[in-house]
């Protein structure tokens, strides 16, 4: 495998690992919602 192939594989592995971490985080911590990240907080959210 050449250097470019190895680099592409590394990037792909990083993306996959990141995606898995996000999915696991979403499953383990359902109270952590994306809208919190954007700065918008739903006033009706009981967890606020």
C-alpha atoms as a PDB file:
ATOM      1  CA  UNK A   1       0.000   0.000   0.000  1.00  0.00           C
ATOM      2  CA  UNK A   2       1.430   3.384  -0.953  1.00  0.00           C
ATOM      3  CA  UNK A   3       1.548   6.493   1.200  1.00  0.00           C
ATOM      4  CA  UNK A   4      -1.580   8.066  -0.327  1.00  0.00           C
ATOM      5  CA  UNK A   5      -3.567   4.902   0.262  1.00  0.00           C
ATOM      6  CA  UNK A   6      -2.400   4.782   3.854  1.00  0.00           C
ATOM      7  CA  UNK A   7      -3.373   8.431   4.378  1.00  0.00           C
ATOM      8  CA  UNK A   8      -6.822   7.852   2.857  1.00  0.00           C
ATOM      9  CA  UNK A   9      -7.278   4.818   5.097  1.00  0.00           C
ATOM     10  CA  UNK A  10      -6.298   6.873   8.147  1.00  0.00           C
ATOM     11  CA  UNK A  11      -8.766   9.627   7.280  1.00  0.00           C
ATOM     12  CA  UNK A  12     -11.505   7.074   6.647  1.00  0.00           C
ATOM     13  CA  UNK A  13     -10.771   5.345   9.967  1.00  0.00           C
ATOM     14  CA  UNK A  14     -10.930   8.692  11.766  1.00  0.00           C
ATOM     15  CA  UNK A  15     -14.304   9.527  10.220  1.00  0.00           C
ATOM     16  CA  UNK A  16     -15.683   6.099  11.111  1.00  0.00           C
ATOM     17  CA  UNK A  17     -14.383   6.329  14.680  1.00  0.00           C
ATOM     18  CA  UNK A  18     -15.869   9.807  15.038  1.00  0.00           C
ATOM     19  CA  UNK A  19     -19.234   8.656  13.706  1.00  0.00           C
ATOM     20  CA  UNK A  20     -19.299   5.667  16.056  1.00  0.00           C
ATOM     21  CA  UNK A  21     -18.418   7.918  19.007  1.00  0.00           C
ATOM     22  CA  UNK A  22     -21.254  10.298  18.111  1.00  0.00           C
ATOM     23  CA  UNK A  23     -23.740   7.441  17.769  1.00  0.00           C
ATOM     24  CA  UNK A  24     -22.655   5.895  21.085  1.00  0.00           C
ATOM     25  CA  UNK A  25     -22.860   9.314  22.737  1.00  0.00           C
ATOM     26  CA  UNK A  26     -26.349   9.843  21.356  1.00  0.00           C
ATOM     27  CA  UNK A  27     -27.490   6.456  22.640  1.00  0.00           C
ATOM     28  CA  UNK A  28     -25.820   6.700  26.057  1.00  0.00           C
ATOM     29  CA  UNK A  29     -26.704  10.364  26.651  1.00  0.00           C
ATOM     30  CA  UNK A  30     -30.104  11.005  25.031  1.00  0.00           C
ATOM     31  CA  UNK A  31     -30.463  14.213  27.040  1.00  0.00           C
ATOM     32  CA  UNK A  32     -27.582  15.721  25.083  1.00  0.00           C
ATOM     33  CA  UNK A  33     -29.387  17.142  22.095  1.00  0.00           C
ATOM     34  CA  UNK A  34     -27.910  18.838  19.009  1.00  0.00           C
ATOM     35  CA  UNK A  35     -29.936  21.996  19.612  1.00  0.00           C
ATOM     36  CA  UNK A  36     -27.873  22.632  22.747  1.00  0.00           C
ATOM     37  CA  UNK A  37     -24.772  22.813  20.569  1.00  0.00           C
ATOM     38  CA  UNK A  38     -26.333  25.403  18.270  1.00  0.00           C
ATOM     39  CA  UNK A  39     -27.073  27.597  21.290  1.00  0.00           C
ATOM     40  CA  UNK A  40     -30.826  27.168  21.046  1.00  0.00           C
ATOM     41  CA  UNK A  41     -32.508  25.875  24.175  1.00  0.00           C
ATOM     42  CA  UNK A  42     -36.125  24.755  24.118  1.00  0.00           C
ATOM     43  CA  UNK A  43     -37.873  26.343  27.087  1.00  0.00           C
ATOM     44  CA  UNK A  44     -40.244  23.391  27.240  1.00  0.00           C
ATOM     45  CA  UNK A  45     -37.324  21.014  27.700  1.00  0.00           C
ATOM     46  CA  UNK A  46     -37.638  19.561  31.238  1.00  0.00           C
ATOM     47  CA  UNK A  47     -33.891  18.949  31.347  1.00  0.00           C
ATOM     48  CA  UNK A  48     -32.954  22.606  31.062  1.00  0.00           C
END
